[in-house]
Amino acid sequence: HIGNRHTPCQIEAGRLLIQRDHVIRDMLGKIGATVRE
């Protein structure tokens, strides 16, 4: 879902890092992701 939105993403074992975006954050919450600032 992050890649489908062409969002720059840092990929690490066990987590992803993306720039803060309230729309993407809301979408991620709806698909069951845990998001922390």
ModelCIF file with pLDDT and N, C-alpha, C, O atoms, coordinates in Angstrom:
data_MODEL
#
_entry.id   MODEL 
#
_entity.id                         1 
_entity.type                       polymer 
_entity.pdbx_number_of_molecules   1 
#
_entity_poly.entity_id                      1 
_entity_poly.type                           'polypeptide(L)' 
_entity_poly.nstd_linkage                   no 
_entity_poly.nstd_monomer                   no 
_entity_poly.pdbx_seq_one_letter_code       HIGNRHTPCQIEAGRLLIQRDHVIRDMLGKIGATVRE 
_entity_poly.pdbx_seq_one_letter_code_can   HIGNRHTPCQIEAGRLLIQRDHVIRDMLGKIGATVRE 
_entity_poly.pdbx_strand_id                 A 
#
loop_
_entity_poly_seq.entity_id 
_entity_poly_seq.num 
_entity_poly_seq.mon_id 
_entity_poly_seq.hetero 
1 1  HIS n 
1 2  ILE n 
1 3  GLY n 
1 4  ASN n 
1 5  ARG n 
1 6  HIS n 
1 7  THR n 
1 8  PRO n 
1 9  CYS n 
1 10 GLN n 
1 11 ILE n 
1 12 GLU n 
1 13 ALA n 
1 14 GLY n 
1 15 ARG n 
1 16 LEU n 
1 17 LEU n 
1 18 ILE n 
1 19 GLN n 
1 20 ARG n 
1 21 ASP n 
1 22 HIS n 
1 23 VAL n 
1 24 ILE n 
1 25 ARG n 
1 26 ASP n 
1 27 MET n 
1 28 LEU n 
1 29 GLY n 
1 30 LYS n 
1 31 ILE n 
1 32 GLY n 
1 33 ALA n 
1 34 THR n 
1 35 VAL n 
1 36 ARG n 
1 37 GLU n 
#
_struct_asym.id          A 
_struct_asym.entity_id   1 
#
loop_
_ma_qa_metric.id 
_ma_qa_metric.mode 
_ma_qa_metric.name 
_ma_qa_metric.software_group_id 
_ma_qa_metric.type 
1 global pLDDT . pLDDT 
2 local  pLDDT . pLDDT 
#
_ma_qa_metric_global.metric_id      1 
_ma_qa_metric_global.metric_value   96.38 
_ma_qa_metric_global.model_id       1 
_ma_qa_metric_global.ordinal_id     1 
#
loop_
_ma_qa_metric_local.label_asym_id 
_ma_qa_metric_local.label_comp_id 
_ma_qa_metric_local.label_seq_id 
_ma_qa_metric_local.metric_id 
_ma_qa_metric_local.metric_value 
_ma_qa_metric_local.model_id 
_ma_qa_metric_local.ordinal_id 
A HIS 1  2 97.00 1 1  
A ILE 2  2 96.00 1 2  
A GLY 3  2 93.00 1 3  
A ASN 4  2 94.00 1 4  
A ARG 5  2 93.00 1 5  
A HIS 6  2 92.00 1 6  
A THR 7  2 94.00 1 7  
A PRO 8  2 94.00 1 8  
A CYS 9  2 96.00 1 9  
A GLN 10 2 96.00 1 10 
A ILE 11 2 96.00 1 11 
A GLU 12 2 96.00 1 12 
A ALA 13 2 94.00 1 13 
A GLY 14 2 94.00 1 14 
A ARG 15 2 98.00 1 15 
A LEU 16 2 98.00 1 16 
A LEU 17 2 98.00 1 17 
A ILE 18 2 98.00 1 18 
A GLN 19 2 97.00 1 19 
A ARG 20 2 97.00 1 20 
A ASP 21 2 97.00 1 21 
A HIS 22 2 97.00 1 22 
A VAL 23 2 97.00 1 23 
A ILE 24 2 97.00 1 24 
A ARG 25 2 98.00 1 25 
A ASP 26 2 98.00 1 26 
A MET 27 2 97.00 1 27 
A LEU 28 2 98.00 1 28 
A GLY 29 2 97.00 1 29 
A LYS 30 2 97.00 1 30 
A ILE 31 2 96.00 1 31 
A GLY 32 2 96.00 1 32 
A ALA 33 2 98.00 1 33 
A THR 34 2 98.00 1 34 
A VAL 35 2 98.00 1 35 
A ARG 36 2 98.00 1 36 
A GLU 37 2 98.00 1 37 
#
loop_
_atom_site.group_PDB 
_atom_site.id 
_atom_site.type_symbol 
_atom_site.label_atom_id 
_atom_site.label_alt_id 
_atom_site.label_comp_id 
_atom_site.label_asym_id 
_atom_site.label_entity_id 
_atom_site.label_seq_id 
_atom_site.pdbx_PDB_ins_code 
_atom_site.Cartn_x 
_atom_site.Cartn_y 
_atom_site.Cartn_z 
_atom_site.occupancy 
_atom_site.B_iso_or_equiv 
_atom_site.pdbx_formal_charge 
_atom_site.auth_seq_id 
_atom_site.auth_comp_id 
_atom_site.auth_asym_id 
_atom_site.auth_atom_id 
_atom_site.pdbx_PDB_model_num 
ATOM 1   N N  . HIS A 1 1  ? 0.822  -1.210 0.000  1.00 97.00 ? 1  HIS A N  1 
ATOM 2   C CA . HIS A 1 1  ? 0.000  0.000  0.000  1.00 97.00 ? 1  HIS A CA 1 
ATOM 3   C C  . HIS A 1 1  ? 0.861  1.268  0.000  1.00 97.00 ? 1  HIS A C  1 
ATOM 4   O O  . HIS A 1 1  ? 0.524  2.246  -0.667 1.00 97.00 ? 1  HIS A O  1 
ATOM 5   N N  . ILE A 1 2  ? 1.954  1.253  0.734  1.00 96.00 ? 2  ILE A N  1 
ATOM 6   C CA . ILE A 1 2  ? 2.863  2.409  0.734  1.00 96.00 ? 2  ILE A CA 1 
ATOM 7   C C  . ILE A 1 2  ? 3.479  2.580  -0.656 1.00 96.00 ? 2  ILE A C  1 
ATOM 8   O O  . ILE A 1 2  ? 3.506  3.688  -1.192 1.00 96.00 ? 2  ILE A O  1 
ATOM 9   N N  . GLY A 1 3  ? 3.972  1.489  -1.234 1.00 93.00 ? 3  GLY A N  1 
ATOM 10  C CA . GLY A 1 3  ? 4.580  1.551  -2.566 1.00 93.00 ? 3  GLY A CA 1 
ATOM 11  C C  . GLY A 1 3  ? 3.593  1.932  -3.645 1.00 93.00 ? 3  GLY A C  1 
ATOM 12  O O  . GLY A 1 3  ? 3.954  2.630  -4.594 1.00 93.00 ? 3  GLY A O  1 
ATOM 13  N N  . ASN A 1 4  ? 2.359  1.491  -3.521 1.00 94.00 ? 4  ASN A N  1 
ATOM 14  C CA . ASN A 1 4  ? 1.338  1.807  -4.506 1.00 94.00 ? 4  ASN A CA 1 
ATOM 15  C C  . ASN A 1 4  ? 1.054  3.309  -4.567 1.00 94.00 ? 4  ASN A C  1 
ATOM 16  O O  . ASN A 1 4  ? 0.541  3.807  -5.569 1.00 94.00 ? 4  ASN A O  1 
ATOM 17  N N  . ARG A 1 5  ? 1.384  4.015  -3.507 1.00 93.00 ? 5  ARG A N  1 
ATOM 18  C CA . ARG A 1 5  ? 1.192  5.468  -3.477 1.00 93.00 ? 5  ARG A CA 1 
ATOM 19  C C  . ARG A 1 5  ? 2.489  6.218  -3.774 1.00 93.00 ? 5  ARG A C  1 
ATOM 20  O O  . ARG A 1 5  ? 2.559  7.435  -3.601 1.00 93.00 ? 5  ARG A O  1 
ATOM 21  N N  . HIS A 1 6  ? 3.506  5.497  -4.218 1.00 92.00 ? 6  HIS A N  1 
ATOM 22  C CA . HIS A 1 6  ? 4.807  6.083  -4.577 1.00 92.00 ? 6  HIS A CA 1 
ATOM 23  C C  . HIS A 1 6  ? 5.378  6.922  -3.442 1.00 92.00 ? 6  HIS A C  1 
ATOM 24  O O  . HIS A 1 6  ? 5.985  7.967  -3.673 1.00 92.00 ? 6  HIS A O  1 
ATOM 25  N N  . THR A 1 7  ? 5.180  6.460  -2.231 1.00 94.00 ? 7  THR A N  1 
ATOM 26  C CA . THR A 1 7  ? 5.678  7.147  -1.046 1.00 94.00 ? 7  THR A CA 1 
ATOM 27  C C  . THR A 1 7  ? 7.108  6.704  -0.774 1.00 94.00 ? 7  THR A C  1 
ATOM 28  O O  . THR A 1 7  ? 7.351  5.504  -0.641 1.00 94.00 ? 7  THR A O  1 
ATOM 29  N N  . PRO A 1 8  ? 8.064  7.626  -0.688 1.00 94.00 ? 8  PRO A N  1 
ATOM 30  C CA . PRO A 1 8  ? 9.430  7.227  -0.328 1.00 94.00 ? 8  PRO A CA 1 
ATOM 31  C C  . PRO A 1 8  ? 9.400  6.441  0.983  1.00 94.00 ? 8  PRO A C  1 
ATOM 32  O O  . PRO A 1 8  ? 8.697  6.817  1.922  1.00 94.00 ? 8  PRO A O  1 
ATOM 33  N N  . CYS A 1 9  ? 10.158 5.357  1.041  1.00 96.00 ? 9  CYS A N  1 
ATOM 34  C CA . CYS A 1 9  ? 10.078 4.450  2.180  1.00 96.00 ? 9  CYS A CA 1 
ATOM 35  C C  . CYS A 1 9  ? 11.456 3.878  2.516  1.00 96.00 ? 9  CYS A C  1 
ATOM 36  O O  . CYS A 1 9  ? 12.172 3.384  1.644  1.00 96.00 ? 9  CYS A O  1 
ATOM 37  N N  . GLN A 1 10 ? 11.807 3.955  3.787  1.00 96.00 ? 10 GLN A N  1 
ATOM 38  C CA . GLN A 1 10 ? 13.016 3.317  4.297  1.00 96.00 ? 10 GLN A CA 1 
ATOM 39  C C  . GLN A 1 10 ? 12.601 1.954  4.830  1.00 96.00 ? 10 GLN A C  1 
ATOM 40  O O  . GLN A 1 10 ? 11.756 1.865  5.721  1.00 96.00 ? 10 GLN A O  1 
ATOM 41  N N  . ILE A 1 11 ? 13.186 0.898  4.292  1.00 96.00 ? 11 ILE A N  1 
ATOM 42  C CA . ILE A 1 11 ? 12.800 -0.463 4.638  1.00 96.00 ? 11 ILE A CA 1 
ATOM 43  C C  . ILE A 1 11 ? 13.832 -1.064 5.578  1.00 96.00 ? 11 ILE A C  1 
ATOM 44  O O  . ILE A 1 11 ? 15.015 -1.138 5.248  1.00 96.00 ? 11 ILE A O  1 
ATOM 45  N N  . GLU A 1 12 ? 13.383 -1.490 6.745  1.00 96.00 ? 12 GLU A N  1 
ATOM 46  C CA . GLU A 1 12 ? 14.248 -2.113 7.732  1.00 96.00 ? 12 GLU A CA 1 
ATOM 47  C C  . GLU A 1 12 ? 13.594 -3.405 8.211  1.00 96.00 ? 12 GLU A C  1 
ATOM 48  O O  . GLU A 1 12 ? 12.400 -3.614 7.994  1.00 96.00 ? 12 GLU A O  1 
ATOM 49  N N  . ALA A 1 13 ? 14.358 -4.258 8.851  1.00 94.00 ? 13 ALA A N  1 
ATOM 50  C CA . ALA A 1 13 ? 13.800 -5.483 9.420  1.00 94.00 ? 13 ALA A CA 1 
ATOM 51  C C  . ALA A 1 13 ? 12.789 -5.098 10.497 1.00 94.00 ? 13 ALA A C  1 
ATOM 52  O O  . ALA A 1 13 ? 13.149 -4.491 11.505 1.00 94.00 ? 13 ALA A O  1 
ATOM 53  N N  . GLY A 1 14 ? 11.531 -5.451 10.282 1.00 94.00 ? 14 GLY A N  1 
ATOM 54  C CA . GLY A 1 14 ? 10.507 -5.225 11.281 1.00 94.00 ? 14 GLY A CA 1 
ATOM 55  C C  . GLY A 1 14 ? 9.806  -3.881 11.244 1.00 94.00 ? 14 GLY A C  1 
ATOM 56  O O  . GLY A 1 14 ? 8.847  -3.680 11.989 1.00 94.00 ? 14 GLY A O  1 
ATOM 57  N N  . ARG A 1 15 ? 10.248 -2.948 10.401 1.00 98.00 ? 15 ARG A N  1 
ATOM 58  C CA . ARG A 1 15 ? 9.572  -1.657 10.347 1.00 98.00 ? 15 ARG A CA 1 
ATOM 59  C C  . ARG A 1 15 ? 9.850  -0.948 9.026  1.00 98.00 ? 15 ARG A C  1 
ATOM 60  O O  . ARG A 1 15 ? 10.816 -1.242 8.321  1.00 98.00 ? 15 ARG A O  1 
ATOM 61  N N  . LEU A 1 16 ? 8.970  -0.007 8.722  1.00 98.00 ? 16 LEU A N  1 
ATOM 62  C CA . LEU A 1 16 ? 9.123  0.888  7.581  1.00 98.00 ? 16 LEU A CA 1 
ATOM 63  C C  . LEU A 1 16 ? 9.109  2.311  8.128  1.00 98.00 ? 16 LEU A C  1 
ATOM 64  O O  . LEU A 1 16 ? 8.421  2.594  9.109  1.00 98.00 ? 16 LEU A O  1 
ATOM 65  N N  . LEU A 1 17 ? 9.867  3.205  7.496  1.00 98.00 ? 17 LEU A N  1 
ATOM 66  C CA . LEU A 1 17 ? 9.837  4.627  7.847  1.00 98.00 ? 17 LEU A CA 1 
ATOM 67  C C  . LEU A 1 17 ? 9.385  5.409  6.621  1.00 98.00 ? 17 LEU A C  1 
ATOM 68  O O  . LEU A 1 17 ? 9.884  5.197  5.515  1.00 98.00 ? 17 LEU A O  1 
ATOM 69  N N  . ILE A 1 18 ? 8.432  6.317  6.830  1.00 98.00 ? 18 ILE A N  1 
ATOM 70  C CA . ILE A 1 18 ? 7.949  7.178  5.762  1.00 98.00 ? 18 ILE A CA 1 
ATOM 71  C C  . ILE A 1 18 ? 7.832  8.603  6.295  1.00 98.00 ? 18 ILE A C  1 
ATOM 72  O O  . ILE A 1 18 ? 7.833  8.822  7.507  1.00 98.00 ? 18 ILE A O  1 
ATOM 73  N N  . GLN A 1 19 ? 7.731  9.572  5.380  1.00 97.00 ? 19 GLN A N  1 
ATOM 74  C CA . GLN A 1 19 ? 7.510  10.949 5.788  1.00 97.00 ? 19 GLN A CA 1 
ATOM 75  C C  . GLN A 1 19 ? 6.114  11.082 6.385  1.00 97.00 ? 19 GLN A C  1 
ATOM 76  O O  . GLN A 1 19 ? 5.199  10.341 6.026  1.00 97.00 ? 19 GLN A O  1 
ATOM 77  N N  . ARG A 1 20 ? 5.963  12.032 7.296  1.00 97.00 ? 20 ARG A N  1 
ATOM 78  C CA . ARG A 1 20 ? 4.664  12.239 7.929  1.00 97.00 ? 20 ARG A CA 1 
ATOM 79  C C  . ARG A 1 20 ? 3.655  12.764 6.920  1.00 97.00 ? 20 ARG A C  1 
ATOM 80  O O  . ARG A 1 20 ? 3.906  13.732 6.202  1.00 97.00 ? 20 ARG A O  1 
ATOM 81  N N  . ASP A 1 21 ? 2.519  12.103 6.888  1.00 97.00 ? 21 ASP A N  1 
ATOM 82  C CA . ASP A 1 21 ? 1.430  12.454 5.984  1.00 97.00 ? 21 ASP A CA 1 
ATOM 83  C C  . ASP A 1 21 ? 0.148  11.943 6.634  1.00 97.00 ? 21 ASP A C  1 
ATOM 84  O O  . ASP A 1 21 ? -0.012 10.735 6.814  1.00 97.00 ? 21 ASP A O  1 
ATOM 85  N N  . HIS A 1 22 ? -0.759 12.838 6.985  1.00 97.00 ? 22 HIS A N  1 
ATOM 86  C CA . HIS A 1 22 ? -1.956 12.418 7.712  1.00 97.00 ? 22 HIS A CA 1 
ATOM 87  C C  . HIS A 1 22 ? -2.875 11.523 6.881  1.00 97.00 ? 22 HIS A C  1 
ATOM 88  O O  . HIS A 1 22 ? -3.570 10.673 7.439  1.00 97.00 ? 22 HIS A O  1 
ATOM 89  N N  . VAL A 1 23 ? -2.890 11.697 5.568  1.00 97.00 ? 23 VAL A N  1 
ATOM 90  C CA . VAL A 1 23 ? -3.740 10.862 4.719  1.00 97.00 ? 23 VAL A CA 1 
ATOM 91  C C  . VAL A 1 23 ? -3.199 9.427  4.682  1.00 97.00 ? 23 VAL A C  1 
ATOM 92  O O  . VAL A 1 23 ? -3.961 8.472  4.831  1.00 97.00 ? 23 VAL A O  1 
ATOM 93  N N  . ILE A 1 24 ? -1.887 9.277  4.483  1.00 97.00 ? 24 ILE A N  1 
ATOM 94  C CA . ILE A 1 24 ? -1.271 7.944  4.455  1.00 97.00 ? 24 ILE A CA 1 
ATOM 95  C C  . ILE A 1 24 ? -1.393 7.301  5.840  1.00 97.00 ? 24 ILE A C  1 
ATOM 96  O O  . ILE A 1 24 ? -1.665 6.105  5.953  1.00 97.00 ? 24 ILE A O  1 
ATOM 97  N N  . ARG A 1 25 ? -1.190 8.101  6.892  1.00 98.00 ? 25 ARG A N  1 
ATOM 98  C CA . ARG A 1 25 ? -1.311 7.576  8.259  1.00 98.00 ? 25 ARG A CA 1 
ATOM 99  C C  . ARG A 1 25 ? -2.706 6.997  8.493  1.00 98.00 ? 25 ARG A C  1 
ATOM 100 O O  . ARG A 1 25 ? -2.838 5.907  9.050  1.00 98.00 ? 25 ARG A O  1 
ATOM 101 N N  . ASP A 1 26 ? -3.742 7.717  8.074  1.00 98.00 ? 26 ASP A N  1 
ATOM 102 C CA . ASP A 1 26 ? -5.115 7.254  8.237  1.00 98.00 ? 26 ASP A CA 1 
ATOM 103 C C  . ASP A 1 26 ? -5.346 5.958  7.457  1.00 98.00 ? 26 ASP A C  1 
ATOM 104 O O  . ASP A 1 26 ? -5.955 5.020  7.970  1.00 98.00 ? 26 ASP A O  1 
ATOM 105 N N  . MET A 1 27 ? -4.855 5.912  6.212  1.00 97.00 ? 27 MET A N  1 
ATOM 106 C CA . MET A 1 27 ? -5.009 4.714  5.392  1.00 97.00 ? 27 MET A CA 1 
ATOM 107 C C  . MET A 1 27 ? -4.318 3.516  6.057  1.00 97.00 ? 27 MET A C  1 
ATOM 108 O O  . MET A 1 27 ? -4.874 2.419  6.094  1.00 97.00 ? 27 MET A O  1 
ATOM 109 N N  . LEU A 1 28 ? -3.111 3.729  6.580  1.00 98.00 ? 28 LEU A N  1 
ATOM 110 C CA . LEU A 1 28 ? -2.374 2.633  7.217  1.00 98.00 ? 28 LEU A CA 1 
ATOM 111 C C  . LEU A 1 28 ? -3.106 2.110  8.446  1.00 98.00 ? 28 LEU A C  1 
ATOM 112 O O  . LEU A 1 28 ? -3.139 0.903  8.685  1.00 98.00 ? 28 LEU A O  1 
ATOM 113 N N  . GLY A 1 29 ? -3.690 3.010  9.220  1.00 97.00 ? 29 GLY A N  1 
ATOM 114 C CA . GLY A 1 29 ? -4.474 2.580  10.379 1.00 97.00 ? 29 GLY A CA 1 
ATOM 115 C C  . GLY A 1 29 ? -5.665 1.728  9.981  1.00 97.00 ? 29 GLY A C  1 
ATOM 116 O O  . GLY A 1 29 ? -6.018 0.779  10.680 1.00 97.00 ? 29 GLY A O  1 
ATOM 117 N N  . LYS A 1 30 ? -6.282 2.068  8.859  1.00 97.00 ? 30 LYS A N  1 
ATOM 118 C CA . LYS A 1 30 ? -7.455 1.319  8.392  1.00 97.00 ? 30 LYS A CA 1 
ATOM 119 C C  . LYS A 1 30 ? -7.104 -0.088 7.931  1.00 97.00 ? 30 LYS A C  1 
ATOM 120 O O  . LYS A 1 30 ? -7.966 -0.967 7.932  1.00 97.00 ? 30 LYS A O  1 
ATOM 121 N N  . ILE A 1 31 ? -5.856 -0.319 7.538  1.00 96.00 ? 31 ILE A N  1 
ATOM 122 C CA . ILE A 1 31 ? -5.473 -1.672 7.100  1.00 96.00 ? 31 ILE A CA 1 
ATOM 123 C C  . ILE A 1 31 ? -4.723 -2.433 8.200  1.00 96.00 ? 31 ILE A C  1 
ATOM 124 O O  . ILE A 1 31 ? -4.144 -3.488 7.943  1.00 96.00 ? 31 ILE A O  1 
ATOM 125 N N  . GLY A 1 32 ? -4.734 -1.896 9.420  1.00 96.00 ? 32 GLY A N  1 
ATOM 126 C CA . GLY A 1 32 ? -4.200 -2.629 10.561 1.00 96.00 ? 32 GLY A CA 1 
ATOM 127 C C  . GLY A 1 32 ? -2.756 -2.344 10.931 1.00 96.00 ? 32 GLY A C  1 
ATOM 128 O O  . GLY A 1 32 ? -2.193 -3.049 11.769 1.00 96.00 ? 32 GLY A O  1 
ATOM 129 N N  . ALA A 1 33 ? -2.143 -1.340 10.337 1.00 98.00 ? 33 ALA A N  1 
ATOM 130 C CA . ALA A 1 33 ? -0.762 -1.007 10.681 1.00 98.00 ? 33 ALA A CA 1 
ATOM 131 C C  . ALA A 1 33 ? -0.726 -0.236 12.003 1.00 98.00 ? 33 ALA A C  1 
ATOM 132 O O  . ALA A 1 33 ? -1.678 0.455  12.364 1.00 98.00 ? 33 ALA A O  1 
ATOM 133 N N  . THR A 1 34 ? 0.374  -0.369 12.699 1.00 98.00 ? 34 THR A N  1 
ATOM 134 C CA . THR A 1 34 ? 0.650  0.452  13.876 1.00 98.00 ? 34 THR A CA 1 
ATOM 135 C C  . THR A 1 34 ? 1.573  1.569  13.416 1.00 98.00 ? 34 THR A C  1 
ATOM 136 O O  . THR A 1 34 ? 2.618  1.302  12.823 1.00 98.00 ? 34 THR A O  1 
ATOM 137 N N  . VAL A 1 35 ? 1.204  2.807  13.680 1.00 98.00 ? 35 VAL A N  1 
ATOM 138 C CA . VAL A 1 35 ? 1.962  3.958  13.212 1.00 98.00 ? 35 VAL A CA 1 
ATOM 139 C C  . VAL A 1 35 ? 2.363  4.806  14.417 1.00 98.00 ? 35 VAL A C  1 
ATOM 140 O O  . VAL A 1 35 ? 1.538  5.129  15.271 1.00 98.00 ? 35 VAL A O  1 
ATOM 141 N N  . ARG A 1 36 ? 3.643  5.156  14.466 1.00 98.00 ? 36 ARG A N  1 
ATOM 142 C CA . ARG A 1 36 ? 4.182  5.943  15.580 1.00 98.00 ? 36 ARG A CA 1 
ATOM 143 C C  . ARG A 1 36 ? 5.037  7.065  15.015 1.00 98.00 ? 36 ARG A C  1 
ATOM 144 O O  . ARG A 1 36 ? 5.804  6.843  14.078 1.00 98.00 ? 36 ARG A O  1 
ATOM 145 N N  . GLU A 1 37 ? 4.917  8.265  15.569 1.00 98.00 ? 37 GLU A N  1 
ATOM 146 C CA . GLU A 1 37 ? 5.744  9.386  15.144 1.00 98.00 ? 37 GLU A CA 1 
ATOM 147 C C  . GLU A 1 37 ? 7.139  9.251  15.740 1.00 98.00 ? 37 GLU A C  1 
ATOM 148 O O  . GLU A 1 37 ? 7.997  10.101 15.502 1.00 98.00 ? 37 GLU A O  1 
#
